[in-house]
Amino acid sequence: GVEVEQTVMYGLRQYTEGARLLTHVDRHATHAVSLIVNVAQGNLTEPWPVEVQDHADRLHEVLMTPGDVVYYESAKCLHARNRPMKGPN
């Protein structure tokens, strides 16, 4: 029962071929929890999963399609998109 206060919001991003997001955790002061909203997606030639390491040290590879939302504890859970994005987006 802890209230969550919005502290930071980033705008839309458009990723281009070859984009990667290296493994990291976010700053607790601004990103205790985060969410990713897939607004639109072009013609990927390979899946481009969001990788999230949970509290039990298990790796989850989440494939997203437009309209999907991934909600995760970004200040404690390692997360990434280590594989380069393939295909025009």
PDB file of N, CA and C in Angstrom:
ATOM      1  N   GLY A   1       0.777  -1.203   0.000  1.00  0.00           N
ATOM      2  CA  GLY A   1       0.000   0.000   0.000  1.00  0.00           C
ATOM      3  C   GLY A   1       0.818   1.267   0.000  1.00  0.00           C
ATOM      4  N   VAL A   2       1.848   1.378  -0.831  1.00  0.00           N
ATOM      5  CA  VAL A   2       2.629   2.613  -0.927  1.00  0.00           C
ATOM      6  C   VAL A   2       2.216   3.373  -2.180  1.00  0.00           C
ATOM      7  N   GLU A   3       1.934   4.648  -2.019  1.00  0.00           N
ATOM      8  CA  GLU A   3       1.572   5.468  -3.180  1.00  0.00           C
ATOM      9  C   GLU A   3       2.773   5.682  -4.089  1.00  0.00           C
ATOM     10  N   VAL A   4       2.524   5.693  -5.385  1.00  0.00           N
ATOM     11  CA  VAL A   4       3.562   5.933  -6.374  1.00  0.00           C
ATOM     12  C   VAL A   4       3.374   7.347  -6.906  1.00  0.00           C
ATOM     13  N   GLU A   5       4.463   8.102  -6.936  1.00  0.00           N
ATOM     14  CA  GLU A   5       4.418   9.470  -7.432  1.00  0.00           C
ATOM     15  C   GLU A   5       5.167   9.534  -8.763  1.00  0.00           C
ATOM     16  N   GLN A   6       4.518  10.103  -9.777  1.00  0.00           N
ATOM     17  CA  GLN A   6       5.198  10.266 -11.066  1.00  0.00           C
ATOM     18  C   GLN A   6       6.276  11.325 -10.920  1.00  0.00           C
ATOM     19  N   THR A   7       7.518  10.955 -11.236  1.00  0.00           N
ATOM     20  CA  THR A   7       8.627  11.904 -11.124  1.00  0.00           C
ATOM     21  C   THR A   7       9.224  12.267 -12.477  1.00  0.00           C
ATOM     22  N   VAL A   8       9.249  11.336 -13.396  1.00  0.00           N
ATOM     23  CA  VAL A   8       9.851  11.575 -14.703  1.00  0.00           C
ATOM     24  C   VAL A   8       9.024  10.861 -15.755  1.00  0.00           C
ATOM     25  N   MET A   9       8.884  11.500 -16.912  1.00  0.00           N
ATOM     26  CA  MET A   9       8.224  10.838 -18.030  1.00  0.00           C
ATOM     27  C   MET A   9       8.980  11.217 -19.293  1.00  0.00           C
ATOM     28  N   TYR A  10       9.400  10.197 -20.018  1.00  0.00           N
ATOM     29  CA  TYR A  10      10.100  10.419 -21.268  1.00  0.00           C
ATOM     30  C   TYR A  10       9.098  10.318 -22.407  1.00  0.00           C
ATOM     31  N   GLY A  11       9.335  11.056 -23.453  1.00  0.00           N
ATOM     32  CA  GLY A  11       8.434  11.056 -24.595  1.00  0.00           C
ATOM     33  C   GLY A  11       8.619   9.838 -25.478  1.00  0.00           C
ATOM     34  N   LEU A  12       7.950   9.866 -26.593  1.00  0.00           N
ATOM     35  CA  LEU A  12       8.046   8.771 -27.555  1.00  0.00           C
ATOM     36  C   LEU A  12       9.460   8.653 -28.096  1.00  0.00           C
ATOM     37  N   ARG A  13       9.865   7.432 -28.353  1.00  0.00           N
ATOM     38  CA  ARG A  13      11.161   7.167 -28.970  1.00  0.00           C
ATOM     39  C   ARG A  13      10.934   6.345 -30.224  1.00  0.00           C
ATOM     40  N   GLN A  14      11.709   6.621 -31.232  1.00  0.00           N
ATOM     41  CA  GLN A  14      11.696   5.786 -32.424  1.00  0.00           C
ATOM     42  C   GLN A  14      13.089   5.202 -32.576  1.00  0.00           C
ATOM     43  N   TYR A  15      13.174   3.900 -32.513  1.00  0.00           N
ATOM     44  CA  TYR A  15      14.460   3.225 -32.629  1.00  0.00           C
ATOM     45  C   TYR A  15      14.732   2.897 -34.091  1.00  0.00           C
ATOM     46  N   THR A  16      16.008   2.920 -34.447  1.00  0.00           N
ATOM     47  CA  THR A  16      16.413   2.619 -35.816  1.00  0.00           C
ATOM     48  C   THR A  16      17.224   1.328 -35.842  1.00  0.00           C
ATOM     49  N   GLU A  17      17.411   0.798 -37.019  1.00  0.00           N
ATOM     50  CA  GLU A  17      18.131  -0.458 -37.168  1.00  0.00           C
ATOM     51  C   GLU A  17      19.483  -0.392 -36.466  1.00  0.00           C
ATOM     52  N   GLY A  18      19.793  -1.442 -35.714  1.00  0.00           N
ATOM     53  CA  GLY A  18      21.053  -1.512 -34.982  1.00  0.00           C
ATOM     54  C   GLY A  18      20.971  -0.986 -33.554  1.00  0.00           C
ATOM     55  N   ALA A  19      19.837  -0.382 -33.171  1.00  0.00           N
ATOM     56  CA  ALA A  19      19.690   0.167 -31.820  1.00  0.00           C
ATOM     57  C   ALA A  19      19.813  -0.938 -30.778  1.00  0.00           C
ATOM     58  N   ARG A  20      20.422  -0.599 -29.637  1.00  0.00           N
ATOM     59  CA  ARG A  20      20.563  -1.510 -28.502  1.00  0.00           C
ATOM     60  C   ARG A  20      20.366  -0.711 -27.226  1.00  0.00           C
ATOM     61  N   LEU A  21      20.000  -1.402 -26.164  1.00  0.00           N
ATOM     62  CA  LEU A  21      19.932  -0.805 -24.836  1.00  0.00           C
ATOM     63  C   LEU A  21      20.692  -1.751 -23.921  1.00  0.00           C
ATOM     64  N   LEU A  22      21.880  -1.333 -23.488  1.00  0.00           N
ATOM     65  CA  LEU A  22      22.733  -2.213 -22.698  1.00  0.00           C
ATOM     66  C   LEU A  22      22.154  -2.436 -21.303  1.00  0.00           C
ATOM     67  N   THR A  23      22.498  -3.556 -20.699  1.00  0.00           N
ATOM     68  CA  THR A  23      21.979  -3.954 -19.397  1.00  0.00           C
ATOM     69  C   THR A  23      22.293  -2.909 -18.331  1.00  0.00           C
ATOM     70  N   HIS A  24      21.256  -2.548 -17.555  1.00  0.00           N
ATOM     71  CA  HIS A  24      21.420  -1.536 -16.517  1.00  0.00           C
ATOM     72  C   HIS A  24      20.240  -1.593 -15.544  1.00  0.00           C
ATOM     73  N   VAL A  25      20.351  -0.864 -14.444  1.00  0.00           N
ATOM     74  CA  VAL A  25      19.225  -0.552 -13.574  1.00  0.00           C
ATOM     75  C   VAL A  25      19.093   0.959 -13.578  1.00  0.00           C
ATOM     76  N   ASP A  26      17.901   1.441 -13.268  1.00  0.00           N
ATOM     77  CA  ASP A  26      17.653   2.880 -13.253  1.00  0.00           C
ATOM     78  C   ASP A  26      17.893   3.450 -11.855  1.00  0.00           C
ATOM     79  N   ARG A  27      17.968   4.774 -11.786  1.00  0.00           N
ATOM     80  CA  ARG A  27      18.152   5.448 -10.498  1.00  0.00           C
ATOM     81  C   ARG A  27      16.872   5.340  -9.677  1.00  0.00           C
ATOM     82  N   HIS A  28      17.012   4.908  -8.426  1.00  0.00           N
ATOM     83  CA  HIS A  28      15.853   4.708  -7.565  1.00  0.00           C
ATOM     84  C   HIS A  28      15.088   6.008  -7.318  1.00  0.00           C
ATOM     85  N   ALA A  29      15.787   7.138  -7.243  1.00  0.00           N
ATOM     86  CA  ALA A  29      15.130   8.411  -6.951  1.00  0.00           C
ATOM     87  C   ALA A  29      14.108   8.817  -8.017  1.00  0.00           C
ATOM     88  N   THR A  30      14.321   8.377  -9.241  1.00  0.00           N
ATOM     89  CA  THR A  30      13.416   8.790 -10.326  1.00  0.00           C
ATOM     90  C   THR A  30      12.741   7.640 -11.037  1.00  0.00           C
ATOM     91  N   HIS A  31      13.208   6.414 -10.857  1.00  0.00           N
ATOM     92  CA  HIS A  31      12.691   5.289 -11.636  1.00  0.00           C
ATOM     93  C   HIS A  31      12.491   4.033 -10.783  1.00  0.00           C
ATOM     94  N   ALA A  32      11.784   4.119  -9.688  1.00  0.00           N
ATOM     95  CA  ALA A  32      11.555   2.924  -8.871  1.00  0.00           C
ATOM     96  C   ALA A  32      10.832   1.862  -9.686  1.00  0.00           C
ATOM     97  N   VAL A  33       9.846   2.282 -10.453  1.00  0.00           N
ATOM     98  CA  VAL A  33       9.152   1.402 -11.385  1.00  0.00           C
ATOM     99  C   VAL A  33       9.063   2.102 -12.731  1.00  0.00           C
ATOM    100  N   SER A  34       9.016   1.323 -13.788  1.00  0.00           N
ATOM    101  CA  SER A  34       8.926   1.882 -15.133  1.00  0.00           C
ATOM    102  C   SER A  34       7.961   1.062 -15.953  1.00  0.00           C
ATOM    103  N   LEU A  35       7.524   1.648 -17.051  1.00  0.00           N
ATOM    104  CA  LEU A  35       6.742   0.878 -18.001  1.00  0.00           C
ATOM    105  C   LEU A  35       7.124   1.290 -19.407  1.00  0.00           C
ATOM    106  N   ILE A  36       6.995   0.321 -20.287  1.00  0.00           N
ATOM    107  CA  ILE A  36       7.253   0.527 -21.718  1.00  0.00           C
ATOM    108  C   ILE A  36       5.930   0.292 -22.431  1.00  0.00           C
ATOM    109  N   VAL A  37       5.543   1.223 -23.275  1.00  0.00           N
ATOM    110  CA  VAL A  37       4.337   1.084 -24.083  1.00  0.00           C
ATOM    111  C   VAL A  37       4.767   0.989 -25.541  1.00  0.00           C
ATOM    112  N   ASN A  38       4.424  -0.088 -26.212  1.00  0.00           N
ATOM    113  CA  ASN A  38       4.723  -0.231 -27.635  1.00  0.00           C
ATOM    114  C   ASN A  38       3.586   0.434 -28.400  1.00  0.00           C
ATOM    115  N   VAL A  39       3.840   1.646 -28.894  1.00  0.00           N
ATOM    116  CA  VAL A  39       2.819   2.425 -29.597  1.00  0.00           C
ATOM    117  C   VAL A  39       2.680   1.952 -31.036  1.00  0.00           C
ATOM    118  N   ALA A  40       3.805   1.712 -31.689  1.00  0.00           N
ATOM    119  CA  ALA A  40       3.803   1.260 -33.084  1.00  0.00           C
ATOM    120  C   ALA A  40       5.102   0.517 -33.333  1.00  0.00           C
ATOM    121  N   GLN A  41       5.099  -0.303 -34.382  1.00  0.00           N
ATOM    122  CA  GLN A  41       6.287  -1.095 -34.677  1.00  0.00           C
ATOM    123  C   GLN A  41       6.322  -1.363 -36.173  1.00  0.00           C
ATOM    124  N   GLY A  42       7.505  -1.178 -36.751  1.00  0.00           N
ATOM    125  CA  GLY A  42       7.658  -1.388 -38.190  1.00  0.00           C
ATOM    126  C   GLY A  42       7.920  -2.834 -38.536  1.00  0.00           C
ATOM    127  N   ASN A  43       8.652  -3.038 -39.585  1.00  0.00           N
ATOM    128  CA  ASN A  43       8.905  -4.373 -40.128  1.00  0.00           C
ATOM    129  C   ASN A  43      10.204  -4.953 -39.594  1.00  0.00           C
ATOM    130  N   LEU A  44      10.168  -5.463 -38.368  1.00  0.00           N
ATOM    131  CA  LEU A  44      11.357  -6.091 -37.808  1.00  0.00           C
ATOM    132  C   LEU A  44      11.595  -7.423 -38.512  1.00  0.00           C
ATOM    133  N   THR A  45      12.856  -7.704 -38.820  1.00  0.00           N
ATOM    134  CA  THR A  45      13.180  -8.979 -39.468  1.00  0.00           C
ATOM    135  C   THR A  45      13.500 -10.061 -38.446  1.00  0.00           C
ATOM    136  N   GLU A  46      13.724  -9.664 -37.174  1.00  0.00           N
ATOM    137  CA  GLU A  46      13.948 -10.590 -36.063  1.00  0.00           C
ATOM    138  C   GLU A  46      13.267 -10.014 -34.831  1.00  0.00           C
ATOM    139  N   PRO A  47      12.830 -10.860 -33.910  1.00  0.00           N
ATOM    140  CA  PRO A  47      12.258 -10.333 -32.665  1.00  0.00           C
ATOM    141  C   PRO A  47      13.271  -9.458 -31.933  1.00  0.00           C
ATOM    142  N   TRP A  48      12.788  -8.433 -31.211  1.00  0.00           N
ATOM    143  CA  TRP A  48      13.652  -7.528 -30.449  1.00  0.00           C
ATOM    144  C   TRP A  48      13.129  -7.474 -29.018  1.00  0.00           C
ATOM    145  N   PRO A  49      13.447  -8.501 -28.211  1.00  0.00           N
ATOM    146  CA  PRO A  49      12.841  -8.598 -26.890  1.00  0.00           C
ATOM    147  C   PRO A  49      13.392  -7.597 -25.884  1.00  0.00           C
ATOM    148  N   VAL A  50      12.535  -7.232 -24.948  1.00  0.00           N
ATOM    149  CA  VAL A  50      12.947  -6.522 -23.742  1.00  0.00           C
ATOM    150  C   VAL A  50      13.394  -7.610 -22.776  1.00  0.00           C
ATOM    151  N   GLU A  51      14.588  -7.474 -22.226  1.00  0.00           N
ATOM    152  CA  GLU A  51      15.135  -8.467 -21.305  1.00  0.00           C
ATOM    153  C   GLU A  51      15.061  -7.910 -19.888  1.00  0.00           C
ATOM    154  N   VAL A  52      14.419  -8.651 -18.983  1.00  0.00           N
ATOM    155  CA  VAL A  52      14.301  -8.226 -17.587  1.00  0.00           C
ATOM    156  C   VAL A  52      14.725  -9.381 -16.687  1.00  0.00           C
ATOM    157  N   GLN A  53      15.657  -9.101 -15.781  1.00  0.00           N
ATOM    158  CA  GLN A  53      16.126 -10.088 -14.800  1.00  0.00           C
ATOM    159  C   GLN A  53      15.285  -9.904 -13.540  1.00  0.00           C
ATOM    160  N   ASP A  54      14.591 -10.949 -13.094  1.00  0.00           N
ATOM    161  CA  ASP A  54      13.711 -10.801 -11.934  1.00  0.00           C
ATOM    162  C   ASP A  54      14.492 -10.962 -10.624  1.00  0.00           C
ATOM    163  N   HIS A  55      13.778 -10.869  -9.494  1.00  0.00           N
ATOM    164  CA  HIS A  55      14.414 -10.931  -8.169  1.00  0.00           C
ATOM    165  C   HIS A  55      15.003 -12.301  -7.859  1.00  0.00           C
ATOM    166  N   ALA A  56      14.576 -13.337  -8.570  1.00  0.00           N
ATOM    167  CA  ALA A  56      15.135 -14.676  -8.386  1.00  0.00           C
ATOM    168  C   ALA A  56      16.253 -14.953  -9.393  1.00  0.00           C
ATOM    169  N   ASP A  57      16.725 -13.893 -10.061  1.00  0.00           N
ATOM    170  CA  ASP A  57      17.824 -13.965 -11.027  1.00  0.00           C
ATOM    171  C   ASP A  57      17.464 -14.751 -12.287  1.00  0.00           C
ATOM    172  N   ARG A  58      16.167 -14.783 -12.632  1.00  0.00           N
ATOM    173  CA  ARG A  58      15.725 -15.423 -13.875  1.00  0.00           C
ATOM    174  C   ARG A  58      15.589 -14.353 -14.952  1.00  0.00           C
ATOM    175  N   LEU A  59      16.040 -14.684 -16.145  1.00  0.00           N
ATOM    176  CA  LEU A  59      15.951 -13.761 -17.279  1.00  0.00           C
ATOM    177  C   LEU A  59      14.633 -13.986 -18.019  1.00  0.00           C
ATOM    178  N   HIS A  60      13.898 -12.900 -18.242  1.00  0.00           N
ATOM    179  CA  HIS A  60      12.650 -12.953 -19.010  1.00  0.00           C
ATOM    180  C   HIS A  60      12.858 -12.141 -20.286  1.00  0.00           C
ATOM    181  N   GLU A  61      12.588 -12.737 -21.420  1.00  0.00           N
ATOM    182  CA  GLU A  61      12.653 -12.037 -22.706  1.00  0.00           C
ATOM    183  C   GLU A  61      11.213 -11.799 -23.151  1.00  0.00           C
ATOM    184  N   VAL A  62      10.826 -10.541 -23.172  1.00  0.00           N
ATOM    185  CA  VAL A  62       9.444 -10.169 -23.457  1.00  0.00           C
ATOM    186  C   VAL A  62       9.350  -9.626 -24.872  1.00  0.00           C
ATOM    187  N   LEU A  63       8.565 -10.293 -25.712  1.00  0.00           N
ATOM    188  CA  LEU A  63       8.318  -9.817 -27.070  1.00  0.00           C
ATOM    189  C   LEU A  63       7.083  -8.927 -27.043  1.00  0.00           C
ATOM    190  N   MET A  64       7.206  -7.745 -27.608  1.00  0.00           N
ATOM    191  CA  MET A  64       6.105  -6.783 -27.573  1.00  0.00           C
ATOM    192  C   MET A  64       5.537  -6.562 -28.969  1.00  0.00           C
ATOM    193  N   THR A  65       4.237  -6.319 -29.020  1.00  0.00           N
ATOM    194  CA  THR A  65       3.561  -5.902 -30.240  1.00  0.00           C
ATOM    195  C   THR A  65       2.833  -4.608 -29.923  1.00  0.00           C
ATOM    196  N   PRO A  66       2.438  -3.831 -30.936  1.00  0.00           N
ATOM    197  CA  PRO A  66       1.753  -2.564 -30.656  1.00  0.00           C
ATOM    198  C   PRO A  66       0.560  -2.757 -29.717  1.00  0.00           C
ATOM    199  N   GLY A  67       0.511  -1.891 -28.698  1.00  0.00           N
ATOM    200  CA  GLY A  67      -0.540  -1.955 -27.694  1.00  0.00           C
ATOM    201  C   GLY A  67      -0.106  -2.640 -26.409  1.00  0.00           C
ATOM    202  N   ASP A  68       1.023  -3.374 -26.443  1.00  0.00           N
ATOM    203  CA  ASP A  68       1.519  -4.060 -25.251  1.00  0.00           C
ATOM    204  C   ASP A  68       2.174  -3.075 -24.284  1.00  0.00           C
ATOM    205  N   VAL A  69       2.118  -3.429 -22.992  1.00  0.00           N
ATOM    206  CA  VAL A  69       2.763  -2.649 -21.935  1.00  0.00           C
ATOM    207  C   VAL A  69       3.583  -3.610 -21.078  1.00  0.00           C
ATOM    208  N   VAL A  70       4.821  -3.240 -20.779  1.00  0.00           N
ATOM    209  CA  VAL A  70       5.672  -3.988 -19.850  1.00  0.00           C
ATOM    210  C   VAL A  70       5.915  -3.080 -18.652  1.00  0.00           C
ATOM    211  N   TYR A  71       5.580  -3.576 -17.463  1.00  0.00           N
ATOM    212  CA  TYR A  71       5.693  -2.837 -16.211  1.00  0.00           C
ATOM    213  C   TYR A  71       6.671  -3.598 -15.330  1.00  0.00           C
ATOM    214  N   TYR A  72       7.724  -2.929 -14.829  1.00  0.00           N
ATOM    215  CA  TYR A  72       8.761  -3.637 -14.092  1.00  0.00           C
ATOM    216  C   TYR A  72       9.433  -2.718 -13.090  1.00  0.00           C
ATOM    217  N   GLU A  73      10.101  -3.321 -12.114  1.00  0.00           N
ATOM    218  CA  GLU A  73      10.786  -2.586 -11.061  1.00  0.00           C
ATOM    219  C   GLU A  73      12.188  -2.218 -11.566  1.00  0.00           C
ATOM    220  N   SER A  74      12.280  -1.101 -12.248  1.00  0.00           N
ATOM    221  CA  SER A  74      13.482  -0.769 -13.020  1.00  0.00           C
ATOM    222  C   SER A  74      14.679  -0.323 -12.185  1.00  0.00           C
ATOM    223  N   ALA A  75      14.469   0.056 -10.926  1.00  0.00           N
ATOM    224  CA  ALA A  75      15.600   0.443 -10.081  1.00  0.00           C
ATOM    225  C   ALA A  75      16.258  -0.761  -9.426  1.00  0.00           C
ATOM    226  N   LYS A  76      15.599  -1.925  -9.461  1.00  0.00           N
ATOM    227  CA  LYS A  76      16.164  -3.128  -8.843  1.00  0.00           C
ATOM    228  C   LYS A  76      16.417  -4.254  -9.832  1.00  0.00           C
ATOM    229  N   CYS A  77      15.675  -4.295 -10.912  1.00  0.00           N
ATOM    230  CA  CYS A  77      15.794  -5.388 -11.879  1.00  0.00           C
ATOM    231  C   CYS A  77      16.634  -4.952 -13.081  1.00  0.00           C
ATOM    232  N   LEU A  78      17.697  -5.701 -13.357  1.00  0.00           N
ATOM    233  CA  LEU A  78      18.476  -5.426 -14.565  1.00  0.00           C
ATOM    234  C   LEU A  78      17.558  -5.551 -15.773  1.00  0.00           C
ATOM    235  N   HIS A  79      17.715  -4.644 -16.726  1.00  0.00           N
ATOM    236  CA  HIS A  79      16.895  -4.705 -17.940  1.00  0.00           C
ATOM    237  C   HIS A  79      17.700  -4.184 -19.118  1.00  0.00           C
ATOM    238  N   ALA A  80      17.288  -4.618 -20.324  1.00  0.00           N
ATOM    239  CA  ALA A  80      18.082  -4.304 -21.512  1.00  0.00           C
ATOM    240  C   ALA A  80      17.328  -4.682 -22.777  1.00  0.00           C
ATOM    241  N   ARG A  81      17.924  -4.291 -23.872  1.00  0.00           N
ATOM    242  CA  ARG A  81      17.659  -4.836 -25.208  1.00  0.00           C
ATOM    243  C   ARG A  81      19.041  -4.986 -25.827  1.00  0.00           C
ATOM    244  N   ASN A  82      19.712  -6.084 -25.458  1.00  0.00           N
ATOM    245  CA  ASN A  82      21.115  -6.272 -25.838  1.00  0.00           C
ATOM    246  C   ASN A  82      21.329  -6.614 -27.298  1.00  0.00           C
ATOM    247  N   ARG A  83      20.344  -7.254 -27.917  1.00  0.00           N
ATOM    248  CA  ARG A  83      20.499  -7.599 -29.329  1.00  0.00           C
ATOM    249  C   ARG A  83      20.202  -6.374 -30.182  1.00  0.00           C
ATOM    250  N   PRO A  84      21.003  -6.133 -31.211  1.00  0.00           N
ATOM    251  CA  PRO A  84      20.700  -5.004 -32.096  1.00  0.00           C
ATOM    252  C   PRO A  84      19.352  -5.209 -32.801  1.00  0.00           C
ATOM    253  N   MET A  85      18.593  -4.131 -32.926  1.00  0.00           N
ATOM    254  CA  MET A  85      17.325  -4.204 -33.631  1.00  0.00           C
ATOM    255  C   MET A  85      17.580  -4.456 -35.107  1.00  0.00           C
ATOM    256  N   LYS A  86      16.860  -5.395 -35.691  1.00  0.00           N
ATOM    257  CA  LYS A  86      17.056  -5.760 -37.111  1.00  0.00           C
ATOM    258  C   LYS A  86      15.798  -5.406 -37.901  1.00  0.00           C
ATOM    259  N   GLY A  87      15.994  -4.651 -38.958  1.00  0.00           N
ATOM    260  CA  GLY A  87      14.887  -4.285 -39.836  1.00  0.00           C
ATOM    261  C   GLY A  87      14.520  -2.822 -39.701  1.00  0.00           C
ATOM    262  N   PRO A  88      13.912  -2.259 -40.736  1.00  0.00           N
ATOM    263  CA  PRO A  88      13.483  -0.863 -40.674  1.00  0.00           C
ATOM    264  C   PRO A  88      12.290  -0.721 -39.743  1.00  0.00           C
ATOM    265  N   ASN A  89      12.295   0.287 -38.929  1.00  0.00           N
ATOM    266  CA  ASN A  89      11.190   0.467 -38.003  1.00  0.00           C
ATOM    267  C   ASN A  89      10.397   1.688 -38.381  1.00  0.00           C
TER     268      ASN A  89
END
